[in-house]
Amino acid sequence: MPLDEFLPHYHVNEVHSTRVAAPPDRVLAAIRELTSREVPLLVVLMALRGVPAAVRRRSLARLRPRLDGPLLDEFTRGGFVVLAERPDELVVGAVGRFWTSDGGVKRMSGADFADFGAPGFARAVMNFHARAAPGGTVLTTETRIKGTDEHARRRFRRYWRLVMPGSAAIRRAWLRAIRKRAEGAVSAAPNRHRRS
């Protein structure tokens, strides 16, 4: 998996899966098309996470995400970078100090991500992998995080103990929203060819 190319060794990870009654290509298209509006839990929890930084900057405007554009675009605007795109898998990554109030995301290119090793940061990768299965697709998402040094590893692990339940809830909600969009597109497909 391309995920292994970018972060084969990690300190923390989580994996979630769901079955989708749609082919893998439709599932990957749903991932790219999905909007923030379709994953309200993610919007709420990410807004709450941003409150301390917004208050310090005296700007609550950052707490209002764009709800109608693709969710992946929101992530790339926030500093994530697309590391790999294949017909069956999408991998994104970010480098940051995720335990700080603003996340401390360091903007960089995909080419710089794999070699990044400055102390005091963590590298994070997340994928969506669509595998054909009887009746449709098994969609899996995995998130991996690795500190660039011992200090960062300890800080991230403390942070992870606090946010892991919310992180897991977001990923499950995200998978449900992808499934709903992909299955809706499949059930609507025959109607597109009907004459009025």
Protein backbone atom coordinates (compact mmCIF):
# COMPACT_ATOMS: atom_id res chain seq x y z
CA MET A 1 0.00 0.00 0.00
CA PRO A 2 1.25 3.53 -0.71
CA LEU A 3 0.64 4.26 2.99
CA ASP A 4 3.67 2.08 3.72
CA GLU A 5 5.79 4.14 1.35
CA PHE A 6 5.27 7.28 3.41
CA LEU A 7 5.12 6.05 7.01
CA PRO A 8 5.99 2.34 7.36
CA HIS A 9 6.92 2.76 11.06
CA TYR A 10 4.71 4.76 13.41
CA HIS A 11 3.95 5.35 17.07
CA VAL A 12 0.15 5.53 16.87
CA ASN A 13 -2.42 4.30 14.39
CA GLU A 14 -6.11 3.62 14.02
CA VAL A 15 -7.99 1.62 11.39
CA HIS A 16 -11.70 1.64 10.50
CA SER A 17 -13.60 -0.18 7.75
CA THR A 18 -17.07 -0.43 6.25
CA ARG A 19 -18.74 -2.34 3.46
CA VAL A 20 -20.19 -0.29 0.61
CA ALA A 21 -22.72 -1.57 -1.94
CA ALA A 22 -20.93 0.19 -4.80
CA PRO A 23 -17.86 -0.56 -6.95
CA PRO A 24 -14.43 0.73 -5.85
CA ASP A 25 -14.26 3.44 -8.54
CA ARG A 26 -17.57 4.89 -7.34
CA VAL A 27 -16.38 4.76 -3.73
CA LEU A 28 -13.16 6.65 -4.58
CA ALA A 29 -15.21 9.22 -6.50
CA ALA A 30 -17.46 9.64 -3.44
CA ILE A 31 -14.38 10.27 -1.27
CA ARG A 32 -13.26 13.07 -3.59
CA GLU A 33 -16.79 14.57 -3.89
CA LEU A 34 -17.81 14.39 -0.23
CA THR A 35 -18.51 17.77 1.38
CA SER A 36 -18.08 18.93 4.97
CA ARG A 37 -21.86 19.29 5.20
CA GLU A 38 -22.13 15.49 4.87
CA VAL A 39 -19.93 14.89 7.94
CA PRO A 40 -21.36 17.29 10.55
CA LEU A 41 -19.55 15.59 13.43
CA LEU A 42 -16.21 16.38 11.81
CA VAL A 43 -17.22 20.03 11.35
CA VAL A 44 -18.30 20.37 15.00
CA LEU A 45 -15.26 18.64 16.53
CA MET A 46 -12.75 20.45 14.30
CA ALA A 47 -14.42 23.78 15.12
CA LEU A 48 -14.19 23.02 18.84
CA ARG A 49 -10.54 22.11 18.43
CA GLY A 50 -9.91 25.49 16.78
CA VAL A 51 -11.59 27.62 19.47
CA PRO A 52 -8.47 28.34 21.61
CA ALA A 53 -6.40 29.48 18.61
CA ALA A 54 -9.30 31.54 17.21
CA VAL A 55 -9.83 33.27 20.57
CA ARG A 56 -6.11 34.09 20.83
CA ARG A 57 -6.20 35.58 17.34
CA ARG A 58 -9.57 37.23 18.04
CA SER A 59 -10.90 35.78 14.83
CA LEU A 60 -13.75 33.30 14.92
CA ALA A 61 -14.02 33.35 11.10
CA ARG A 62 -11.64 30.36 10.90
CA LEU A 63 -14.22 28.27 12.77
CA ARG A 64 -16.62 28.44 9.83
CA PRO A 65 -15.55 25.84 7.26
CA ARG A 66 -16.78 25.82 3.69
CA LEU A 67 -19.62 23.33 3.77
CA ASP A 68 -20.30 22.84 0.06
CA GLY A 69 -16.84 22.26 -1.38
CA PRO A 70 -15.04 18.91 -1.28
CA LEU A 71 -13.90 17.96 2.21
CA LEU A 72 -10.47 16.94 0.90
CA ASP A 73 -10.02 20.50 -0.38
CA GLU A 74 -10.61 21.73 3.19
CA PHE A 75 -7.85 19.42 4.40
CA THR A 76 -5.37 20.56 1.74
CA ARG A 77 -6.19 24.20 2.52
CA GLY A 78 -5.39 23.36 6.14
CA GLY A 79 -1.91 22.07 5.27
CA PHE A 80 -2.46 18.43 4.31
CA VAL A 81 -0.93 17.30 1.04
CA VAL A 82 -2.02 14.53 -1.32
CA LEU A 83 0.81 12.01 -1.23
CA ALA A 84 -0.59 9.32 -3.54
CA GLU A 85 -3.64 8.77 -5.71
CA ARG A 86 -4.32 5.40 -7.26
CA PRO A 87 -7.51 3.81 -8.61
CA ASP A 88 -7.97 2.00 -5.28
CA GLU A 89 -6.32 4.31 -2.74
CA LEU A 90 -5.88 7.93 -1.73
CA VAL A 91 -3.18 8.97 0.78
CA VAL A 92 -2.86 12.39 2.42
CA GLY A 93 -0.34 13.58 4.97
CA ALA A 94 0.67 16.49 7.17
CA VAL A 95 3.48 17.52 9.44
CA GLY A 96 2.62 19.46 12.55
CA ARG A 97 2.61 19.92 16.27
CA PHE A 98 -0.87 18.48 16.51
CA TRP A 99 -0.89 18.71 20.31
CA THR A 100 -0.81 22.54 20.16
CA SER A 101 -4.01 24.61 20.02
CA ASP A 102 -3.58 25.50 16.34
CA GLY A 103 -2.08 22.17 15.26
CA GLY A 104 1.20 23.77 14.19
CA VAL A 105 0.82 22.36 10.66
CA LYS A 106 3.91 22.99 8.54
CA ARG A 107 3.11 23.49 4.88
CA MET A 108 5.26 21.48 2.51
CA SER A 109 5.18 19.58 -0.74
CA GLY A 110 4.53 15.88 -1.01
CA ALA A 111 8.15 15.39 -2.07
CA ASP A 112 9.40 16.96 1.18
CA PHE A 113 7.05 14.97 3.41
CA ALA A 114 8.87 11.61 3.34
CA ASP A 115 12.26 13.10 4.25
CA PHE A 116 11.04 15.54 6.90
CA GLY A 117 12.74 14.94 10.23
CA ALA A 118 13.10 18.27 12.06
CA PRO A 119 12.76 17.69 15.81
CA GLY A 120 9.60 18.64 17.69
CA PHE A 121 7.05 17.61 15.06
CA ALA A 122 4.92 14.63 14.15
CA ARG A 123 4.23 13.26 10.70
CA ALA A 124 0.70 11.98 10.03
CA VAL A 125 -0.67 10.03 7.09
CA MET A 126 -4.22 8.94 6.39
CA ASN A 127 -5.53 6.80 3.59
CA PHE A 128 -8.76 5.55 2.10
CA HIS A 129 -8.37 2.15 0.47
CA ALA A 130 -11.18 0.62 -1.62
CA ARG A 131 -10.97 -3.15 -2.18
CA ALA A 132 -13.47 -4.95 -4.40
CA ALA A 133 -15.50 -7.52 -2.48
CA PRO A 134 -18.65 -9.56 -3.13
CA GLY A 135 -21.54 -7.11 -3.33
CA GLY A 136 -19.34 -4.02 -3.66
CA THR A 137 -16.34 -2.67 -1.79
CA VAL A 138 -14.60 -2.87 1.55
CA LEU A 139 -13.54 0.69 2.34
CA THR A 140 -10.79 1.10 4.94
CA THR A 141 -9.19 4.19 6.37
CA GLU A 142 -6.00 4.08 8.39
CA THR A 143 -4.27 6.94 10.18
CA ARG A 144 -0.63 6.68 11.29
CA ILE A 145 1.38 9.20 13.29
CA LYS A 146 5.07 9.26 14.16
CA GLY A 147 6.97 11.83 16.23
CA THR A 148 10.23 13.07 14.77
CA ASP A 149 11.95 12.78 18.15
CA GLU A 150 11.31 11.41 21.64
CA HIS A 151 9.94 14.71 22.98
CA ALA A 152 7.41 14.96 20.12
CA ARG A 153 6.48 11.31 20.54
CA ARG A 154 5.69 11.82 24.23
CA ARG A 155 3.72 15.02 23.60
CA PHE A 156 1.71 13.40 20.83
CA ARG A 157 0.91 10.30 22.89
CA ARG A 158 -0.49 12.46 25.72
CA TYR A 159 -2.56 14.41 23.20
CA TRP A 160 -3.70 11.19 21.50
CA ARG A 161 -5.10 9.78 24.75
CA LEU A 162 -7.40 12.81 24.90
CA VAL A 163 -8.50 13.02 21.27
CA MET A 164 -8.55 9.37 20.20
CA PRO A 165 -12.27 8.81 20.97
CA GLY A 166 -13.21 11.89 18.91
CA SER A 167 -10.81 10.91 16.15
CA ALA A 168 -12.36 7.44 15.93
CA ALA A 169 -15.89 8.92 15.91
CA ILE A 170 -14.93 11.29 13.07
CA ARG A 171 -13.50 8.49 10.96
CA ARG A 172 -16.56 6.29 11.46
CA ALA A 173 -18.85 9.21 10.55
CA TRP A 174 -16.68 9.94 7.51
CA LEU A 175 -16.93 6.33 6.32
CA ARG A 176 -20.73 6.36 6.79
CA ALA A 177 -21.01 9.55 4.74
CA ILE A 178 -18.86 8.09 1.94
CA ARG A 179 -20.97 4.93 1.95
CA LYS A 180 -24.20 6.94 1.77
CA ARG A 181 -22.92 9.07 -1.12
CA ALA A 182 -21.50 6.11 -3.08
CA GLU A 183 -24.57 3.92 -2.61
CA GLY A 184 -26.86 6.85 -3.46
CA ALA A 185 -24.97 7.42 -6.71
CA VAL A 186 -25.28 3.74 -7.61
CA SER A 187 -29.03 3.58 -6.88
CA ALA A 188 -29.58 6.81 -8.84
CA ALA A 189 -27.59 5.62 -11.87
CA PRO A 190 -30.44 3.77 -13.65
CA ASN A 191 -32.67 6.85 -13.29
CA ARG A 192 -30.21 8.97 -15.25
CA HIS A 193 -30.94 7.01 -18.40
CA ARG A 194 -34.72 7.21 -18.21
CA ARG A 195 -36.54 9.47 -20.62
CA SER A 196 -38.90 12.06 -19.23
